[in-house]
N, C-alpha and C. Protein backbone atom coordinates (compact mmCIF):
# COMPACT_ATOMS: atom_id res chain seq x y z
N UNK A 1 -70.22 -45.73 53.86
CA UNK A 1 -71.54 -45.55 54.74
C UNK A 1 -70.73 -45.38 56.12
N UNK A 2 -71.19 -45.39 57.27
CA UNK A 2 -71.08 -45.31 58.56
C UNK A 2 -71.95 -46.29 59.25
N UNK A 3 -71.71 -47.47 59.41
CA UNK A 3 -72.63 -48.03 60.35
C UNK A 3 -72.53 -48.45 61.82
N UNK A 4 -71.74 -47.16 62.32
CA UNK A 4 -71.55 -47.42 64.00
C UNK A 4 -73.21 -46.59 64.15
N UNK A 5 -73.91 -47.53 65.47
CA UNK A 5 -74.99 -47.08 66.19
C UNK A 5 -75.22 -45.72 66.32
N UNK A 6 -73.80 -45.71 67.02
CA UNK A 6 -74.13 -43.77 67.15
C UNK A 6 -73.85 -42.27 66.36
N UNK A 7 -73.58 -43.03 64.87
CA UNK A 7 -72.53 -42.33 64.15
C UNK A 7 -74.19 -41.33 63.68
N UNK A 8 -73.65 -39.95 63.72
CA UNK A 8 -75.07 -39.54 62.89
C UNK A 8 -75.67 -39.97 61.31
N UNK A 9 -76.32 -39.63 61.47
CA UNK A 9 -77.30 -40.43 60.58
C UNK A 9 -76.89 -39.54 58.73
N UNK A 10 -76.71 -39.98 57.79
CA UNK A 10 -75.80 -39.37 56.70
C UNK A 10 -77.03 -39.45 55.89
N UNK A 11 -76.86 -38.83 54.86
CA UNK A 11 -77.89 -38.84 53.46
C UNK A 11 -77.69 -40.45 52.83
N UNK A 12 -76.16 -40.93 52.77
CA UNK A 12 -76.18 -42.31 52.41
C UNK A 12 -76.95 -43.25 52.95
N UNK A 13 -77.34 -43.03 55.04
CA UNK A 13 -77.90 -44.00 55.70
C UNK A 13 -79.43 -43.83 55.02
N UNK A 14 -79.75 -43.00 54.77
CA UNK A 14 -80.83 -42.44 54.44
C UNK A 14 -81.67 -43.13 53.13
N UNK A 15 -80.79 -43.12 52.10
CA UNK A 15 -81.02 -43.99 50.79
C UNK A 15 -80.59 -45.35 51.13
N UNK A 16 -79.96 -45.96 51.51
CA UNK A 16 -79.69 -47.20 51.54
C UNK A 16 -81.07 -47.63 52.16
N UNK A 17 -81.80 -46.90 53.83
CA UNK A 17 -82.91 -47.17 54.14
C UNK A 17 -84.24 -47.16 53.20
N UNK A 18 -83.92 -46.35 52.60
CA UNK A 18 -85.28 -46.08 51.45
C UNK A 18 -85.11 -47.45 50.77
N UNK A 19 -83.58 -47.58 50.51
CA UNK A 19 -83.72 -49.30 49.37
C UNK A 19 -83.70 -50.22 50.04
N UNK A 20 -83.37 -50.31 51.31
CA UNK A 20 -83.99 -51.51 51.82
C UNK A 20 -82.50 -52.09 51.96
N UNK A 21 -81.67 -51.44 51.56
CA UNK A 21 -80.14 -51.76 52.08
C UNK A 21 -79.43 -51.78 53.39
N UNK A 22 -79.95 -51.04 54.23
CA UNK A 22 -79.53 -50.46 55.25
C UNK A 22 -79.20 -52.01 56.70
N UNK A 23 -78.19 -51.81 56.55
CA UNK A 23 -77.75 -52.86 57.82
C UNK A 23 -78.98 -52.75 59.00
N UNK A 24 -79.42 -53.90 59.17
CA UNK A 24 -80.26 -53.73 60.65
C UNK A 24 -80.21 -53.29 61.47
N UNK A 25 -78.93 -53.14 62.15
CA UNK A 25 -78.07 -52.59 63.07
C UNK A 25 -78.38 -51.25 63.18
N UNK A 26 -78.30 -50.25 61.98
CA UNK A 26 -78.54 -49.31 62.12
C UNK A 26 -79.96 -48.71 61.80
N UNK A 27 -81.02 -49.81 61.51
CA UNK A 27 -82.29 -49.33 60.79
C UNK A 27 -82.80 -48.28 61.87
N UNK A 28 -82.92 -49.37 63.53
CA UNK A 28 -83.51 -48.43 64.29
C UNK A 28 -83.61 -46.54 64.36
N UNK A 29 -81.79 -46.78 64.00
CA UNK A 29 -81.30 -45.16 64.58
C UNK A 29 -81.71 -44.09 63.66
N UNK A 30 -81.81 -45.10 61.92
CA UNK A 30 -82.19 -43.69 61.08
C UNK A 30 -83.76 -44.13 61.05
N UNK A 31 -84.69 -44.48 61.65
CA UNK A 31 -86.09 -44.38 61.51
C UNK A 31 -86.34 -43.82 62.63
N UNK A 32 -85.59 -43.82 63.89
CA UNK A 32 -85.53 -42.42 65.08
C UNK A 32 -84.90 -41.27 64.24
N UNK A 33 -84.11 -41.36 63.76
CA UNK A 33 -84.04 -39.83 63.19
C UNK A 33 -84.83 -39.09 62.26
N UNK A 34 -85.87 -40.19 61.60
CA UNK A 34 -87.13 -39.94 60.32
C UNK A 34 -88.29 -39.05 61.26
N UNK A 35 -88.44 -39.93 62.67
CA UNK A 35 -89.30 -40.14 63.51
C UNK A 35 -89.46 -38.40 64.20
N UNK A 36 -88.13 -38.00 64.57
CA UNK A 36 -87.58 -37.11 64.98
C UNK A 36 -87.31 -35.25 64.18
N UNK A 37 -87.55 -35.74 62.83
CA UNK A 37 -87.44 -34.96 61.39
C UNK A 37 -88.32 -34.64 60.55
N UNK A 38 -89.56 -34.41 61.10
CA UNK A 38 -90.69 -34.51 60.12
C UNK A 38 -90.76 -33.79 58.84
N UNK A 39 -90.15 -33.29 58.26
CA UNK A 39 -89.80 -32.61 56.93
C UNK A 39 -88.72 -33.43 56.04
N UNK A 40 -87.68 -34.06 56.73
CA UNK A 40 -87.12 -35.17 56.33
C UNK A 40 -88.17 -36.53 55.67
N UNK A 41 -88.70 -36.88 56.68
CA UNK A 41 -89.24 -37.78 56.45
C UNK A 41 -90.41 -37.71 55.50
N UNK A 42 -90.77 -36.56 55.03
CA UNK A 42 -91.97 -36.12 54.22
C UNK A 42 -91.02 -35.93 52.58
N UNK A 43 -90.41 -35.94 52.84
CA UNK A 43 -89.18 -35.58 51.80
C UNK A 43 -88.55 -36.88 51.21
N UNK A 44 -88.81 -38.38 51.91
CA UNK A 44 -88.13 -39.56 51.64
C UNK A 44 -89.75 -40.46 51.44
N UNK A 45 -90.94 -39.93 51.80
CA UNK A 45 -92.31 -40.60 51.49
C UNK A 45 -92.24 -39.78 49.92
N UNK A 46 -91.94 -38.42 49.38
CA UNK A 46 -91.71 -38.47 48.53
C UNK A 46 -91.03 -38.97 47.69
N UNK A 47 -90.03 -39.42 48.13
CA UNK A 47 -89.17 -40.31 47.07
C UNK A 47 -90.02 -41.49 46.63
N UNK A 48 -90.28 -41.99 48.14
CA UNK A 48 -90.67 -43.49 48.00
C UNK A 48 -91.61 -43.57 46.57
N UNK A 49 -92.56 -42.36 47.17
CA UNK A 49 -94.27 -42.87 46.07
C UNK A 49 -93.02 -41.86 44.56
N UNK A 50 -92.51 -41.41 44.52
CA UNK A 50 -92.03 -41.15 43.27
C UNK A 50 -91.29 -42.46 42.76
N UNK A 51 -91.08 -43.23 43.45
CA UNK A 51 -90.11 -44.91 42.93
C UNK A 51 -90.72 -45.37 42.97
N UNK A 52 -92.06 -45.50 42.82
CA UNK A 52 -93.20 -46.51 42.87
C UNK A 52 -93.75 -46.15 41.78
N UNK A 53 -93.92 -44.80 41.42
CA UNK A 53 -94.85 -44.53 39.85
C UNK A 53 -93.80 -44.70 39.16
N UNK A 54 -92.44 -44.68 39.31
CA UNK A 54 -91.74 -44.83 38.16
C UNK A 54 -91.69 -46.68 38.01
N UNK A 55 -91.25 -46.97 38.88
CA UNK A 55 -91.45 -48.66 38.98
C UNK A 55 -92.58 -49.38 38.02
N UNK A 56 -94.05 -48.52 38.28
CA UNK A 56 -95.40 -49.24 37.96
C UNK A 56 -95.22 -48.58 36.25
N UNK A 57 -94.27 -47.62 36.06
CA UNK A 57 -94.61 -47.28 34.88
C UNK A 57 -93.66 -47.92 33.73
N UNK A 58 -92.26 -47.54 34.34
CA UNK A 58 -91.32 -48.55 33.23
C UNK A 58 -90.97 -50.21 33.95
N UNK A 59 -91.02 -50.22 34.83
CA UNK A 59 -90.43 -51.29 35.66
C UNK A 59 -90.55 -52.76 34.39
N UNK A 60 -91.91 -52.87 34.04
CA UNK A 60 -92.11 -53.95 32.97
C UNK A 60 -91.00 -53.63 31.69
N UNK A 61 -90.82 -52.25 31.09
CA UNK A 61 -89.26 -52.02 30.59
C UNK A 61 -88.06 -53.07 30.44
N UNK A 62 -87.59 -52.84 32.16
CA UNK A 62 -86.87 -53.68 32.44
C UNK A 62 -86.35 -55.17 31.90
N UNK A 63 -87.42 -55.61 31.76
CA UNK A 63 -87.38 -57.06 31.34
C UNK A 63 -87.22 -57.18 29.97
N UNK A 64 -87.33 -56.04 29.04
CA UNK A 64 -87.29 -56.51 27.65
C UNK A 64 -86.29 -56.44 27.25
N UNK A 65 -85.93 -57.18 26.20
CA UNK A 65 -84.39 -57.11 26.25
C UNK A 65 -83.88 -56.41 24.75
N UNK A 66 -83.06 -55.36 24.92
CA UNK A 66 -82.64 -54.50 24.12
C UNK A 66 -82.77 -54.66 23.01
N UNK A 67 -83.32 -53.27 22.23
CA UNK A 67 -83.23 -53.88 20.27
C UNK A 67 -82.36 -53.87 19.78
N UNK A 68 -81.93 -55.15 19.16
CA UNK A 68 -80.77 -55.09 18.30
C UNK A 68 -79.99 -53.23 17.61
N UNK A 69 -80.60 -52.32 17.42
CA UNK A 69 -79.88 -51.38 17.11
C UNK A 69 -79.34 -50.83 18.39
N UNK A 70 -79.96 -51.15 19.84
CA UNK A 70 -78.53 -50.67 20.78
C UNK A 70 -77.79 -51.40 21.00
N UNK A 71 -77.79 -52.72 20.71
CA UNK A 71 -77.04 -53.19 21.47
C UNK A 71 -75.40 -53.12 20.73
N UNK A 72 -74.43 -52.86 20.70
CA UNK A 72 -73.05 -52.98 20.61
C UNK A 72 -72.47 -54.48 19.81
N UNK A 73 -72.07 -54.45 18.52
CA UNK A 73 -71.62 -55.63 18.26
C UNK A 73 -70.53 -56.32 18.96
N UNK A 74 -70.14 -56.27 19.63
CA UNK A 74 -69.05 -56.46 20.38
C UNK A 74 -70.05 -56.99 22.02
N UNK A 75 -71.19 -56.80 22.28
CA UNK A 75 -71.60 -57.20 23.45
C UNK A 75 -72.61 -57.85 23.33
N UNK A 76 -72.87 -58.67 21.72
CA UNK A 76 -73.87 -59.32 21.68
C UNK A 76 -73.31 -60.75 21.83
N UNK A 77 -74.28 -61.79 22.42
CA UNK A 77 -73.58 -62.87 23.21
C UNK A 77 -74.57 -63.97 23.00
N UNK A 78 -74.58 -65.05 23.10
CA UNK A 78 -75.90 -66.12 23.19
C UNK A 78 -77.02 -65.73 23.99
N UNK A 79 -75.82 -65.78 25.06
CA UNK A 79 -77.18 -65.24 26.52
C UNK A 79 -77.27 -63.94 26.75
N UNK A 80 -77.28 -62.90 25.39
CA UNK A 80 -78.12 -61.78 25.57
C UNK A 80 -78.99 -61.79 24.17
N UNK A 81 -79.92 -61.94 24.37
CA UNK A 81 -80.45 -62.06 23.13
C UNK A 81 -81.15 -60.63 22.62
N UNK A 82 -80.72 -60.25 21.21
CA UNK A 82 -81.35 -58.44 20.78
C UNK A 82 -83.19 -59.31 20.18
N UNK A 83 -83.84 -57.66 20.26
CA UNK A 83 -85.09 -57.98 19.56
C UNK A 83 -85.30 -56.84 18.38
N UNK A 84 -85.10 -57.13 17.15
CA UNK A 84 -85.12 -56.98 15.88
C UNK A 84 -86.03 -55.55 16.25
N UNK A 85 -85.42 -54.49 16.09
CA UNK A 85 -86.93 -53.02 15.85
C UNK A 85 -87.40 -52.84 14.79
């Protein structure tokens, strides 16, 4: 990802911005780019809405341990408990 302040805004920049991982010095340029491109801004608004819906729907599942049937035998360790399915 190019972080030069005057570099063109890339798709990688846009996704990093959406994920909150864009360097601070690049954020203003990306936000100005979005302000000047309403179709692109709407697309990323839809991505954010979709991400929020997926997080609300599946987020709690991420914290649950894998069922024992899904954990390969070589990956079972004391720090990674499996739940009996």
